[in-house]
Amino acid sequence: MDSIKEAADLYIMNYISKGDIAITQDIGLASTLLAKGVYVLSPRGILFEEKEIETALELRHL
């Protein structure tokens, strides 16, 4: 199942463009998309921002 998830993430990363909107709960994917200039929302509607994503990534690793 992980390979299917990875394939979906790779597809999104390859075909999304700056200014697009993505909805994900995957912090790693959100971080990558933010770097591409994509607006990223959580499933609860919270906008991920560059200044907060690093903290979220660190918390994920704990």
Protein backbone atom coordinates (compact mmCIF):
# COMPACT_ATOMS: atom_id res chain seq x y z
CA MET A 1 0.00 0.00 0.00
CA ASP A 2 2.86 2.42 0.66
CA SER A 3 3.95 2.21 -2.97
CA ILE A 4 0.46 3.26 -4.08
CA LYS A 5 0.57 6.24 -1.72
CA GLU A 6 4.03 7.18 -2.97
CA ALA A 7 2.84 6.92 -6.57
CA ALA A 8 -0.06 9.26 -5.82
CA ASP A 9 2.27 11.76 -4.12
CA LEU A 10 4.68 11.66 -7.07
CA TYR A 11 1.84 12.21 -9.53
CA ILE A 12 0.61 15.22 -7.55
CA MET A 13 4.11 16.69 -7.28
CA ASN A 14 4.70 16.28 -11.01
CA TYR A 15 1.42 17.75 -12.23
CA ILE A 16 0.57 20.48 -9.74
CA SER A 17 1.49 24.07 -10.57
CA LYS A 18 2.24 27.24 -8.68
CA GLY A 19 -1.00 28.83 -7.49
CA ASP A 20 -2.93 25.54 -7.45
CA ILE A 21 -4.70 24.36 -4.30
CA ALA A 22 -4.08 20.97 -2.68
CA ILE A 23 -5.78 19.34 0.29
CA THR A 24 -3.70 16.84 2.26
CA GLN A 25 -2.96 15.69 5.77
CA ASP A 26 0.51 14.51 4.70
CA ILE A 27 2.96 17.02 6.20
CA GLY A 28 5.82 15.87 3.95
CA LEU A 29 3.75 16.34 0.81
CA ALA A 30 2.49 19.69 2.10
CA SER A 31 6.07 20.86 2.60
CA THR A 32 7.05 19.88 -0.93
CA LEU A 33 4.00 21.55 -2.42
CA LEU A 34 4.52 24.77 -0.48
CA ALA A 35 8.03 24.97 -1.94
CA LYS A 36 6.41 24.85 -5.40
CA GLY A 37 4.12 27.79 -4.58
CA VAL A 38 1.00 25.69 -4.07
CA TYR A 39 -1.68 26.66 -1.53
CA VAL A 40 -2.02 23.68 0.81
CA LEU A 41 -4.98 23.07 3.11
CA SER A 42 -5.51 20.39 5.71
CA PRO A 43 -8.72 18.33 5.48
CA ARG A 44 -10.04 20.60 8.26
CA GLY A 45 -9.46 23.69 6.14
CA ILE A 46 -6.34 24.96 7.88
CA LEU A 47 -3.90 26.66 5.52
CA PHE A 48 -0.35 25.33 5.81
CA GLU A 49 2.27 28.09 5.73
CA GLU A 50 6.03 28.00 5.12
CA LYS A 51 6.82 29.48 8.52
CA GLU A 52 4.92 26.71 10.33
CA ILE A 53 5.65 23.69 8.18
CA GLU A 54 9.16 23.14 9.55
CA THR A 55 7.79 22.84 13.08
CA ALA A 56 5.12 20.43 11.85
CA LEU A 57 7.82 18.30 10.16
CA GLU A 58 9.86 18.21 13.35
CA LEU A 59 6.83 17.18 15.41
CA ARG A 60 6.09 14.42 12.92
CA HIS A 61 9.50 12.90 13.55
CA LEU A 62 9.04 12.77 17.33
